[in-house]
mmCIF file of all heavy atoms, coordinates in Angstrom:
data_MODEL
# 
_entry.id   MODEL 
# 
loop_
_atom_site.group_PDB 
_atom_site.id 
_atom_site.type_symbol 
_atom_site.label_atom_id 
_atom_site.label_alt_id 
_atom_site.label_comp_id 
_atom_site.label_asym_id 
_atom_site.label_entity_id 
_atom_site.label_seq_id 
_atom_site.pdbx_PDB_ins_code 
_atom_site.Cartn_x 
_atom_site.Cartn_y 
_atom_site.Cartn_z 
_atom_site.occupancy 
_atom_site.B_iso_or_equiv 
_atom_site.pdbx_formal_charge 
_atom_site.auth_seq_id 
_atom_site.auth_comp_id 
_atom_site.auth_asym_id 
_atom_site.auth_atom_id 
_atom_site.pdbx_PDB_model_num 
ATOM 1   N N   . GLY A 1 1  ? 24.280 3.146   0.643   1.00 0.00 ? 1  GLY A N   1 
ATOM 2   C CA  . GLY A 1 1  ? 25.153 4.302   0.766   1.00 0.00 ? 1  GLY A CA  1 
ATOM 3   C C   . GLY A 1 1  ? 25.080 5.230   -0.472  1.00 0.00 ? 1  GLY A C   1 
ATOM 4   O O   . GLY A 1 1  ? 25.979 6.184   -0.552  1.00 0.00 ? 1  GLY A O   1 
ATOM 5   N N   . GLU A 1 2  ? 24.031 5.162   -1.330  1.00 0.00 ? 2  GLU A N   1 
ATOM 6   C CA  . GLU A 1 2  ? 23.963 5.950   -2.602  1.00 0.00 ? 2  GLU A CA  1 
ATOM 7   C C   . GLU A 1 2  ? 22.602 6.714   -2.662  1.00 0.00 ? 2  GLU A C   1 
ATOM 8   O O   . GLU A 1 2  ? 22.145 7.021   -3.740  1.00 0.00 ? 2  GLU A O   1 
ATOM 9   C CB  . GLU A 1 2  ? 24.106 5.103   -3.832  1.00 0.00 ? 2  GLU A CB  1 
ATOM 10  C CG  . GLU A 1 2  ? 25.525 4.362   -3.807  1.00 0.00 ? 2  GLU A CG  1 
ATOM 11  C CD  . GLU A 1 2  ? 25.741 3.638   -5.094  1.00 0.00 ? 2  GLU A CD  1 
ATOM 12  O OE1 . GLU A 1 2  ? 25.351 4.106   -6.218  1.00 0.00 ? 2  GLU A OE1 1 
ATOM 13  O OE2 . GLU A 1 2  ? 26.295 2.514   -5.047  1.00 0.00 ? 2  GLU A OE2 1 
ATOM 14  N N   . GLN A 1 3  ? 22.054 7.015   -1.546  1.00 0.00 ? 3  GLN A N   1 
ATOM 15  C CA  . GLN A 1 3  ? 20.913 7.800   -1.262  1.00 0.00 ? 3  GLN A CA  1 
ATOM 16  C C   . GLN A 1 3  ? 19.671 7.109   -2.189  1.00 0.00 ? 3  GLN A C   1 
ATOM 17  O O   . GLN A 1 3  ? 18.919 7.926   -2.808  1.00 0.00 ? 3  GLN A O   1 
ATOM 18  C CB  . GLN A 1 3  ? 21.019 9.230   -1.793  1.00 0.00 ? 3  GLN A CB  1 
ATOM 19  C CG  . GLN A 1 3  ? 21.912 10.008  -0.828  1.00 0.00 ? 3  GLN A CG  1 
ATOM 20  C CD  . GLN A 1 3  ? 23.310 9.780   -0.876  1.00 0.00 ? 3  GLN A CD  1 
ATOM 21  O OE1 . GLN A 1 3  ? 23.929 9.771   -1.910  1.00 0.00 ? 3  GLN A OE1 1 
ATOM 22  N NE2 . GLN A 1 3  ? 23.965 9.351   0.292   1.00 0.00 ? 3  GLN A NE2 1 
ATOM 23  N N   . ASN A 1 4  ? 19.683 5.840   -2.278  1.00 0.00 ? 4  ASN A N   1 
ATOM 24  C CA  . ASN A 1 4  ? 18.602 5.149   -3.009  1.00 0.00 ? 4  ASN A CA  1 
ATOM 25  C C   . ASN A 1 4  ? 18.658 5.427   -4.562  1.00 0.00 ? 4  ASN A C   1 
ATOM 26  O O   . ASN A 1 4  ? 17.703 5.145   -5.175  1.00 0.00 ? 4  ASN A O   1 
ATOM 27  C CB  . ASN A 1 4  ? 17.252 5.511   -2.428  1.00 0.00 ? 4  ASN A CB  1 
ATOM 28  C CG  . ASN A 1 4  ? 16.245 4.343   -2.598  1.00 0.00 ? 4  ASN A CG  1 
ATOM 29  O OD1 . ASN A 1 4  ? 16.606 3.050   -2.489  1.00 0.00 ? 4  ASN A OD1 1 
ATOM 30  N ND2 . ASN A 1 4  ? 15.014 4.694   -2.854  1.00 0.00 ? 4  ASN A ND2 1 
ATOM 31  N N   . ARG A 1 5  ? 19.833 5.860   -5.016  1.00 0.00 ? 5  ARG A N   1 
ATOM 32  C CA  . ARG A 1 5  ? 19.824 6.096   -6.477  1.00 0.00 ? 5  ARG A CA  1 
ATOM 33  C C   . ARG A 1 5  ? 20.173 4.831   -7.295  1.00 0.00 ? 5  ARG A C   1 
ATOM 34  O O   . ARG A 1 5  ? 20.070 4.779   -8.428  1.00 0.00 ? 5  ARG A O   1 
ATOM 35  C CB  . ARG A 1 5  ? 20.902 7.163   -6.791  1.00 0.00 ? 5  ARG A CB  1 
ATOM 36  C CG  . ARG A 1 5  ? 20.558 8.532   -6.257  1.00 0.00 ? 5  ARG A CG  1 
ATOM 37  C CD  . ARG A 1 5  ? 21.569 9.590   -6.768  1.00 0.00 ? 5  ARG A CD  1 
ATOM 38  N NE  . ARG A 1 5  ? 22.948 9.270   -6.396  1.00 0.00 ? 5  ARG A NE  1 
ATOM 39  C CZ  . ARG A 1 5  ? 23.600 9.812   -5.421  1.00 0.00 ? 5  ARG A CZ  1 
ATOM 40  N NH1 . ARG A 1 5  ? 22.972 10.586  -4.550  1.00 0.00 ? 5  ARG A NH1 1 
ATOM 41  N NH2 . ARG A 1 5  ? 24.768 9.442   -5.134  1.00 0.00 ? 5  ARG A NH2 1 
ATOM 42  N N   . ASP A 1 6  ? 20.858 3.893   -6.633  1.00 0.00 ? 6  ASP A N   1 
ATOM 43  C CA  . ASP A 1 6  ? 21.289 2.631   -7.245  1.00 0.00 ? 6  ASP A CA  1 
ATOM 44  C C   . ASP A 1 6  ? 20.176 1.740   -7.387  1.00 0.00 ? 6  ASP A C   1 
ATOM 45  O O   . ASP A 1 6  ? 19.175 1.776   -6.746  1.00 0.00 ? 6  ASP A O   1 
ATOM 46  C CB  . ASP A 1 6  ? 22.502 1.996   -6.520  1.00 0.00 ? 6  ASP A CB  1 
ATOM 47  C CG  . ASP A 1 6  ? 22.087 1.487   -5.163  1.00 0.00 ? 6  ASP A CG  1 
ATOM 48  O OD1 . ASP A 1 6  ? 21.438 2.429   -4.417  1.00 0.00 ? 6  ASP A OD1 1 
ATOM 49  O OD2 . ASP A 1 6  ? 22.132 0.279   -4.826  1.00 0.00 ? 6  ASP A OD2 1 
ATOM 50  N N   . GLY A 1 7  ? 20.288 0.714   -8.390  1.00 0.00 ? 7  GLY A N   1 
ATOM 51  C CA  . GLY A 1 7  ? 19.341 -0.306  -8.595  1.00 0.00 ? 7  GLY A CA  1 
ATOM 52  C C   . GLY A 1 7  ? 18.233 0.204   -9.513  1.00 0.00 ? 7  GLY A C   1 
ATOM 53  O O   . GLY A 1 7  ? 18.057 1.394   -9.771  1.00 0.00 ? 7  GLY A O   1 
ATOM 54  N N   . HIS A 1 8  ? 17.418 -0.802  -10.064 1.00 0.00 ? 8  HIS A N   1 
ATOM 55  C CA  . HIS A 1 8  ? 16.432 -0.427  -10.979 1.00 0.00 ? 8  HIS A CA  1 
ATOM 56  C C   . HIS A 1 8  ? 15.219 0.234   -10.315 1.00 0.00 ? 8  HIS A C   1 
ATOM 57  O O   . HIS A 1 8  ? 14.876 -0.083  -9.172  1.00 0.00 ? 8  HIS A O   1 
ATOM 58  C CB  . HIS A 1 8  ? 15.924 -1.634  -11.743 1.00 0.00 ? 8  HIS A CB  1 
ATOM 59  C CG  . HIS A 1 8  ? 16.978 -2.261  -12.639 1.00 0.00 ? 8  HIS A CG  1 
ATOM 60  N ND1 . HIS A 1 8  ? 17.378 -1.649  -13.871 1.00 0.00 ? 8  HIS A ND1 1 
ATOM 61  C CD2 . HIS A 1 8  ? 17.651 -3.406  -12.592 1.00 0.00 ? 8  HIS A CD2 1 
ATOM 62  C CE1 . HIS A 1 8  ? 18.274 -2.384  -14.354 1.00 0.00 ? 8  HIS A CE1 1 
ATOM 63  N NE2 . HIS A 1 8  ? 18.406 -3.454  -13.676 1.00 0.00 ? 8  HIS A NE2 1 
ATOM 64  N N   . ASN A 1 9  ? 14.665 1.205   -10.992 1.00 0.00 ? 9  ASN A N   1 
ATOM 65  C CA  . ASN A 1 9  ? 13.500 1.921   -10.318 1.00 0.00 ? 9  ASN A CA  1 
ATOM 66  C C   . ASN A 1 9  ? 12.161 1.183   -10.748 1.00 0.00 ? 9  ASN A C   1 
ATOM 67  O O   . ASN A 1 9  ? 11.220 1.252   -9.993  1.00 0.00 ? 9  ASN A O   1 
ATOM 68  C CB  . ASN A 1 9  ? 13.385 3.349   -10.927 1.00 0.00 ? 9  ASN A CB  1 
ATOM 69  C CG  . ASN A 1 9  ? 14.564 4.215   -10.278 1.00 0.00 ? 9  ASN A CG  1 
ATOM 70  O OD1 . ASN A 1 9  ? 14.851 4.132   -9.067  1.00 0.00 ? 9  ASN A OD1 1 
ATOM 71  N ND2 . ASN A 1 9  ? 15.218 5.092   -11.100 1.00 0.00 ? 9  ASN A ND2 1 
ATOM 72  N N   . ASP A 1 10 ? 12.120 0.482   -11.943 1.00 0.00 ? 10 ASP A N   1 
ATOM 73  C CA  . ASP A 1 10 ? 10.940 -0.211  -12.377 1.00 0.00 ? 10 ASP A CA  1 
ATOM 74  C C   . ASP A 1 10 ? 11.123 -1.620  -12.054 1.00 0.00 ? 10 ASP A C   1 
ATOM 75  O O   . ASP A 1 10 ? 11.730 -2.403  -12.783 1.00 0.00 ? 10 ASP A O   1 
ATOM 76  C CB  . ASP A 1 10 ? 10.689 0.131   -13.798 1.00 0.00 ? 10 ASP A CB  1 
ATOM 77  C CG  . ASP A 1 10 ? 9.390  -0.501  -14.233 1.00 0.00 ? 10 ASP A CG  1 
ATOM 78  O OD1 . ASP A 1 10 ? 8.534  -0.972  -13.322 1.00 0.00 ? 10 ASP A OD1 1 
ATOM 79  O OD2 . ASP A 1 10 ? 9.129  -0.586  -15.488 1.00 0.00 ? 10 ASP A OD2 1 
ATOM 80  N N   . ASN A 1 11 ? 10.521 -2.137  -11.007 1.00 0.00 ? 11 ASN A N   1 
ATOM 81  C CA  . ASN A 1 11 ? 10.726 -3.503  -10.530 1.00 0.00 ? 11 ASN A CA  1 
ATOM 82  C C   . ASN A 1 11 ? 9.578  -4.395  -10.929 1.00 0.00 ? 11 ASN A C   1 
ATOM 83  O O   . ASN A 1 11 ? 9.619  -5.636  -10.618 1.00 0.00 ? 11 ASN A O   1 
ATOM 84  C CB  . ASN A 1 11 ? 10.934 -3.527  -8.983  1.00 0.00 ? 11 ASN A CB  1 
ATOM 85  C CG  . ASN A 1 11 ? 12.204 -2.902  -8.690  1.00 0.00 ? 11 ASN A CG  1 
ATOM 86  O OD1 . ASN A 1 11 ? 13.322 -3.406  -8.853  1.00 0.00 ? 11 ASN A OD1 1 
ATOM 87  N ND2 . ASN A 1 11 ? 12.100 -1.642  -8.123  1.00 0.00 ? 11 ASN A ND2 1 
ATOM 88  N N   . LEU A 1 12 ? 8.475  -3.891  -11.496 1.00 0.00 ? 12 LEU A N   1 
ATOM 89  C CA  . LEU A 1 12 ? 7.267  -4.661  -11.843 1.00 0.00 ? 12 LEU A CA  1 
ATOM 90  C C   . LEU A 1 12 ? 6.835  -5.402  -10.579 1.00 0.00 ? 12 LEU A C   1 
ATOM 91  O O   . LEU A 1 12 ? 6.483  -6.618  -10.735 1.00 0.00 ? 12 LEU A O   1 
ATOM 92  C CB  . LEU A 1 12 ? 7.607  -5.631  -13.028 1.00 0.00 ? 12 LEU A CB  1 
ATOM 93  C CG  . LEU A 1 12 ? 8.051  -5.000  -14.301 1.00 0.00 ? 12 LEU A CG  1 
ATOM 94  C CD1 . LEU A 1 12 ? 8.451  -6.047  -15.287 1.00 0.00 ? 12 LEU A CD1 1 
ATOM 95  C CD2 . LEU A 1 12 ? 7.049  -4.014  -14.897 1.00 0.00 ? 12 LEU A CD2 1 
ATOM 96  N N   . SER A 1 13 ? 6.830  -4.675  -9.490  1.00 0.00 ? 13 SER A N   1 
ATOM 97  C CA  . SER A 1 13 ? 6.495  -5.261  -8.238  1.00 0.00 ? 13 SER A CA  1 
ATOM 98  C C   . SER A 1 13 ? 5.205  -4.718  -7.627  1.00 0.00 ? 13 SER A C   1 
ATOM 99  O O   . SER A 1 13 ? 4.854  -3.577  -8.145  1.00 0.00 ? 13 SER A O   1 
ATOM 100 C CB  . SER A 1 13 ? 7.631  -5.211  -7.151  1.00 0.00 ? 13 SER A CB  1 
ATOM 101 O OG  . SER A 1 13 ? 7.943  -3.828  -6.954  1.00 0.00 ? 13 SER A OG  1 
ATOM 102 N N   . TRP A 1 14 ? 4.675  -5.188  -6.625  1.00 0.00 ? 14 TRP A N   1 
ATOM 103 C CA  . TRP A 1 14 ? 3.512  -4.629  -5.913  1.00 0.00 ? 14 TRP A CA  1 
ATOM 104 C C   . TRP A 1 14 ? 3.526  -5.027  -4.492  1.00 0.00 ? 14 TRP A C   1 
ATOM 105 O O   . TRP A 1 14 ? 4.322  -5.904  -4.040  1.00 0.00 ? 14 TRP A O   1 
ATOM 106 C CB  . TRP A 1 14 ? 2.210  -5.158  -6.526  1.00 0.00 ? 14 TRP A CB  1 
ATOM 107 C CG  . TRP A 1 14 ? 2.113  -6.610  -6.580  1.00 0.00 ? 14 TRP A CG  1 
ATOM 108 C CD1 . TRP A 1 14 ? 1.330  -7.428  -5.765  1.00 0.00 ? 14 TRP A CD1 1 
ATOM 109 C CD2 . TRP A 1 14 ? 2.621  -7.552  -7.505  1.00 0.00 ? 14 TRP A CD2 1 
ATOM 110 N NE1 . TRP A 1 14 ? 1.463  -8.724  -5.971  1.00 0.00 ? 14 TRP A NE1 1 
ATOM 111 C CE2 . TRP A 1 14 ? 2.224  -8.914  -7.080  1.00 0.00 ? 14 TRP A CE2 1 
ATOM 112 C CE3 . TRP A 1 14 ? 3.639  -7.480  -8.487  1.00 0.00 ? 14 TRP A CE3 1 
ATOM 113 C CZ2 . TRP A 1 14 ? 2.666  -9.991  -7.813  1.00 0.00 ? 14 TRP A CZ2 1 
ATOM 114 C CZ3 . TRP A 1 14 ? 4.036  -8.676  -9.308  1.00 0.00 ? 14 TRP A CZ3 1 
ATOM 115 C CH2 . TRP A 1 14 ? 3.523  -9.951  -8.891  1.00 0.00 ? 14 TRP A CH2 1 
ATOM 116 N N   . ASN A 1 15 ? 2.719  -4.370  -3.610  1.00 0.00 ? 15 ASN A N   1 
ATOM 117 C CA  . ASN A 1 15 ? 2.868  -4.596  -2.266  1.00 0.00 ? 15 ASN A CA  1 
ATOM 118 C C   . ASN A 1 15 ? 1.656  -5.130  -1.466  1.00 0.00 ? 15 ASN A C   1 
ATOM 119 O O   . ASN A 1 15 ? 1.653  -5.341  -0.332  1.00 0.00 ? 15 ASN A O   1 
ATOM 120 C CB  . ASN A 1 15 ? 3.291  -3.307  -1.470  1.00 0.00 ? 15 ASN A CB  1 
ATOM 121 C CG  . ASN A 1 15 ? 2.342  -2.117  -1.630  1.00 0.00 ? 15 ASN A CG  1 
ATOM 122 O OD1 . ASN A 1 15 ? 1.090  -2.373  -1.907  1.00 0.00 ? 15 ASN A OD1 1 
ATOM 123 N ND2 . ASN A 1 15 ? 2.787  -0.892  -1.576  1.00 0.00 ? 15 ASN A ND2 1 
ATOM 124 N N   . ASN A 1 16 ? 0.607  -5.405  -2.315  1.00 0.00 ? 16 ASN A N   1 
ATOM 125 C CA  . ASN A 1 16 ? -0.685 -5.881  -1.601  1.00 0.00 ? 16 ASN A CA  1 
ATOM 126 C C   . ASN A 1 16 ? -1.264 -5.050  -0.659  1.00 0.00 ? 16 ASN A C   1 
ATOM 127 O O   . ASN A 1 16 ? -1.911 -5.431  0.401   1.00 0.00 ? 16 ASN A O   1 
ATOM 128 C CB  . ASN A 1 16 ? -0.465 -7.356  -1.146  1.00 0.00 ? 16 ASN A CB  1 
ATOM 129 C CG  . ASN A 1 16 ? -0.546 -8.443  -2.214  1.00 0.00 ? 16 ASN A CG  1 
ATOM 130 O OD1 . ASN A 1 16 ? -1.559 -8.755  -2.826  1.00 0.00 ? 16 ASN A OD1 1 
ATOM 131 N ND2 . ASN A 1 16 ? 0.613  -8.914  -2.579  1.00 0.00 ? 16 ASN A ND2 1 
ATOM 132 N N   . GLY A 1 17 ? -1.067 -3.693  -0.773  1.00 0.00 ? 17 GLY A N   1 
ATOM 133 C CA  . GLY A 1 17 ? -1.736 -2.735  0.011   1.00 0.00 ? 17 GLY A CA  1 
ATOM 134 C C   . GLY A 1 17 ? -0.949 -2.116  1.114   1.00 0.00 ? 17 GLY A C   1 
ATOM 135 O O   . GLY A 1 17 ? -1.354 -1.133  1.572   1.00 0.00 ? 17 GLY A O   1 
ATOM 136 N N   . VAL A 1 18 ? 0.120  -2.704  1.523   1.00 0.00 ? 18 VAL A N   1 
ATOM 137 C CA  . VAL A 1 18 ? 1.027  -2.113  2.609   1.00 0.00 ? 18 VAL A CA  1 
ATOM 138 C C   . VAL A 1 18 ? 2.523  -2.290  2.042   1.00 0.00 ? 18 VAL A C   1 
ATOM 139 O O   . VAL A 1 18 ? 2.899  -3.301  1.624   1.00 0.00 ? 18 VAL A O   1 
ATOM 140 C CB  . VAL A 1 18 ? 0.878  -2.874  3.836   1.00 0.00 ? 18 VAL A CB  1 
ATOM 141 C CG1 . VAL A 1 18 ? 1.822  -2.323  4.898   1.00 0.00 ? 18 VAL A CG1 1 
ATOM 142 C CG2 . VAL A 1 18 ? -0.632 -2.876  4.395   1.00 0.00 ? 18 VAL A CG2 1 
ATOM 143 N N   . GLU A 1 19 ? 3.199  -1.166  2.159   1.00 0.00 ? 19 GLU A N   1 
ATOM 144 C CA  . GLU A 1 19 ? 4.648  -1.266  1.730   1.00 0.00 ? 19 GLU A CA  1 
ATOM 145 C C   . GLU A 1 19 ? 5.522  -1.832  2.836   1.00 0.00 ? 19 GLU A C   1 
ATOM 146 O O   . GLU A 1 19 ? 5.651  -1.320  3.955   1.00 0.00 ? 19 GLU A O   1 
ATOM 147 C CB  . GLU A 1 19 ? 5.185  0.213   1.522   1.00 0.00 ? 19 GLU A CB  1 
ATOM 148 C CG  . GLU A 1 19 ? 6.530  0.335   0.799   1.00 0.00 ? 19 GLU A CG  1 
ATOM 149 C CD  . GLU A 1 19 ? 6.623  -0.160  -0.585  1.00 0.00 ? 19 GLU A CD  1 
ATOM 150 O OE1 . GLU A 1 19 ? 5.574  -0.513  -1.191  1.00 0.00 ? 19 GLU A OE1 1 
ATOM 151 O OE2 . GLU A 1 19 ? 7.774  -0.163  -1.145  1.00 0.00 ? 19 GLU A OE2 1 
ATOM 152 N N   . GLY A 1 20 ? 6.028  -2.993  2.568   1.00 0.00 ? 20 GLY A N   1 
ATOM 153 C CA  . GLY A 1 20 ? 6.999  -3.662  3.421   1.00 0.00 ? 20 GLY A CA  1 
ATOM 154 C C   . GLY A 1 20 ? 6.380  -4.455  4.465   1.00 0.00 ? 20 GLY A C   1 
ATOM 155 O O   . GLY A 1 20 ? 5.202  -5.059  4.354   1.00 0.00 ? 20 GLY A O   1 
ATOM 156 N N   . GLU A 1 21 ? 7.092  -4.620  5.692   1.00 0.00 ? 21 GLU A N   1 
ATOM 157 C CA  . GLU A 1 21 ? 6.615  -5.551  6.645   1.00 0.00 ? 21 GLU A CA  1 
ATOM 158 C C   . GLU A 1 21 ? 5.234  -5.066  7.250   1.00 0.00 ? 21 GLU A C   1 
ATOM 159 O O   . GLU A 1 21 ? 4.998  -3.961  7.336   1.00 0.00 ? 21 GLU A O   1 
ATOM 160 C CB  . GLU A 1 21 ? 7.642  -5.651  7.694   1.00 0.00 ? 21 GLU A CB  1 
ATOM 161 C CG  . GLU A 1 21 ? 8.912  -6.246  7.316   1.00 0.00 ? 21 GLU A CG  1 
ATOM 162 C CD  . GLU A 1 21 ? 10.029 -6.334  8.359   1.00 0.00 ? 21 GLU A CD  1 
ATOM 163 O OE1 . GLU A 1 21 ? 10.169 -5.289  9.097   1.00 0.00 ? 21 GLU A OE1 1 
ATOM 164 O OE2 . GLU A 1 21 ? 10.827 -7.228  8.449   1.00 0.00 ? 21 GLU A OE2 1 
ATOM 165 N N   . THR A 1 22 ? 4.462  -6.097  7.616   1.00 0.00 ? 22 THR A N   1 
ATOM 166 C CA  . THR A 1 22 ? 3.200  -5.755  8.178   1.00 0.00 ? 22 THR A CA  1 
ATOM 167 C C   . THR A 1 22 ? 2.707  -6.918  9.112   1.00 0.00 ? 22 THR A C   1 
ATOM 168 O O   . THR A 1 22 ? 3.057  -8.135  8.951   1.00 0.00 ? 22 THR A O   1 
ATOM 169 C CB  . THR A 1 22 ? 2.109  -5.529  7.183   1.00 0.00 ? 22 THR A CB  1 
ATOM 170 O OG1 . THR A 1 22 ? 0.890  -5.256  7.762   1.00 0.00 ? 22 THR A OG1 1 
ATOM 171 C CG2 . THR A 1 22 ? 2.000  -6.670  6.221   1.00 0.00 ? 22 THR A CG2 1 
ATOM 172 N N   . ASP A 1 23 ? 1.914  -6.676  10.128  1.00 0.00 ? 23 ASP A N   1 
ATOM 173 C CA  . ASP A 1 23 ? 1.239  -7.730  10.922  1.00 0.00 ? 23 ASP A CA  1 
ATOM 174 C C   . ASP A 1 23 ? -0.137 -8.075  10.431  1.00 0.00 ? 23 ASP A C   1 
ATOM 175 O O   . ASP A 1 23 ? -0.775 -8.766  11.040  1.00 0.00 ? 23 ASP A O   1 
ATOM 176 C CB  . ASP A 1 23 ? 1.144  -7.207  12.361  1.00 0.00 ? 23 ASP A CB  1 
ATOM 177 C CG  . ASP A 1 23 ? 2.628  -7.075  12.952  1.00 0.00 ? 23 ASP A CG  1 
ATOM 178 O OD1 . ASP A 1 23 ? 3.472  -7.847  12.623  1.00 0.00 ? 23 ASP A OD1 1 
ATOM 179 O OD2 . ASP A 1 23 ? 2.738  -6.167  13.881  1.00 0.00 ? 23 ASP A OD2 1 
ATOM 180 N N   . ASP A 1 24 ? -0.626 -7.375  9.294   1.00 0.00 ? 24 ASP A N   1 
ATOM 181 C CA  . ASP A 1 24 ? -1.915 -7.716  8.857   1.00 0.00 ? 24 ASP A CA  1 
ATOM 182 C C   . ASP A 1 24 ? -2.024 -9.008  8.150   1.00 0.00 ? 24 ASP A C   1 
ATOM 183 O O   . ASP A 1 24 ? -1.381 -9.283  7.176   1.00 0.00 ? 24 ASP A O   1 
ATOM 184 C CB  . ASP A 1 24 ? -2.262 -6.586  7.733   1.00 0.00 ? 24 ASP A CB  1 
ATOM 185 C CG  . ASP A 1 24 ? -3.696 -6.618  7.290   1.00 0.00 ? 24 ASP A CG  1 
ATOM 186 O OD1 . ASP A 1 24 ? -4.178 -7.618  6.985   1.00 0.00 ? 24 ASP A OD1 1 
ATOM 187 O OD2 . ASP A 1 24 ? -4.272 -5.489  7.195   1.00 0.00 ? 24 ASP A OD2 1 
ATOM 188 N N   . THR A 1 25 ? -2.858 -9.861  8.739   1.00 0.00 ? 25 THR A N   1 
ATOM 189 C CA  . THR A 1 25 ? -2.896 -11.244 8.291   1.00 0.00 ? 25 THR A CA  1 
ATOM 190 C C   . THR A 1 25 ? -3.430 -11.386 6.959   1.00 0.00 ? 25 THR A C   1 
ATOM 191 O O   . THR A 1 25 ? -3.074 -12.339 6.155   1.00 0.00 ? 25 THR A O   1 
ATOM 192 C CB  . THR A 1 25 ? -3.749 -12.109 9.321   1.00 0.00 ? 25 THR A CB  1 
ATOM 193 O OG1 . THR A 1 25 ? -5.064 -11.590 9.474   1.00 0.00 ? 25 THR A OG1 1 
ATOM 194 C CG2 . THR A 1 25 ? -3.107 -12.236 10.641  1.00 0.00 ? 25 THR A CG2 1 
ATOM 195 N N   . ALA A 1 26 ? -4.426 -10.566 6.610   1.00 0.00 ? 26 ALA A N   1 
ATOM 196 C CA  . ALA A 1 26 ? -4.961 -10.627 5.199   1.00 0.00 ? 26 ALA A CA  1 
ATOM 197 C C   . ALA A 1 26 ? -3.969 -10.312 4.128   1.00 0.00 ? 26 ALA A C   1 
ATOM 198 O O   . ALA A 1 26 ? -3.864 -10.947 3.156   1.00 0.00 ? 26 ALA A O   1 
ATOM 199 C CB  . ALA A 1 26 ? -6.140 -9.669  5.155   1.00 0.00 ? 26 ALA A CB  1 
ATOM 200 N N   . VAL A 1 27 ? -3.098 -9.237  4.481   1.00 0.00 ? 27 VAL A N   1 
ATOM 201 C CA  . VAL A 1 27 ? -2.021 -8.898  3.583   1.00 0.00 ? 27 VAL A CA  1 
ATOM 202 C C   . VAL A 1 27 ? -0.954 -10.068 3.463   1.00 0.00 ? 27 VAL A C   1 
ATOM 203 O O   . VAL A 1 27 ? -0.571 -10.424 2.284   1.00 0.00 ? 27 VAL A O   1 
ATOM 204 C CB  . VAL A 1 27 ? -1.358 -7.577  3.978   1.00 0.00 ? 27 VAL A CB  1 
ATOM 205 C CG1 . VAL A 1 27 ? -0.056 -7.246  3.089   1.00 0.00 ? 27 VAL A CG1 1 
ATOM 206 C CG2 . VAL A 1 27 ? -2.405 -6.446  3.947   1.00 0.00 ? 27 VAL A CG2 1 
ATOM 207 N N   . ALA A 1 28 ? -0.641 -10.619 4.615   1.00 0.00 ? 28 ALA A N   1 
ATOM 208 C CA  . ALA A 1 28 ? 0.341  -11.695 4.605   1.00 0.00 ? 28 ALA A CA  1 
ATOM 209 C C   . ALA A 1 28 ? -0.255 -12.929 3.823   1.00 0.00 ? 28 ALA A C   1 
ATOM 210 O O   . ALA A 1 28 ? 0.521  -13.573 2.998   1.00 0.00 ? 28 ALA A O   1 
ATOM 211 C CB  . ALA A 1 28 ? 0.542  -12.103 5.981   1.00 0.00 ? 28 ALA A CB  1 
ATOM 212 N N   . LYS A 1 29 ? -1.480 -13.233 3.945   1.00 0.00 ? 29 LYS A N   1 
ATOM 213 C CA  . LYS A 1 29 ? -2.103 -14.337 3.074   1.00 0.00 ? 29 LYS A CA  1 
ATOM 214 C C   . LYS A 1 29 ? -2.060 -13.998 1.653   1.00 0.00 ? 29 LYS A C   1 
ATOM 215 O O   . LYS A 1 29 ? -1.760 -14.832 0.797   1.00 0.00 ? 29 LYS A O   1 
ATOM 216 C CB  . LYS A 1 29 ? -3.521 -14.486 3.617   1.00 0.00 ? 29 LYS A CB  1 
ATOM 217 C CG  . LYS A 1 29 ? -4.298 -15.596 2.765   1.00 0.00 ? 29 LYS A CG  1 
ATOM 218 C CD  . LYS A 1 29 ? -3.573 -16.910 2.984   1.00 0.00 ? 29 LYS A CD  1 
ATOM 219 C CE  . LYS A 1 29 ? -4.536 -18.029 2.266   1.00 0.00 ? 29 LYS A CE  1 
ATOM 220 N NZ  . LYS A 1 29 ? -3.816 -19.325 2.221   1.00 0.00 ? 29 LYS A NZ  1 
# 
């Protein structure tokens, strides 16, 4: 409810090529 302003912006994270949920088995692996 804060227009995505809350929480840290730098999460030192990565998505392996697809942002979020995916059915791509290679990404899942």
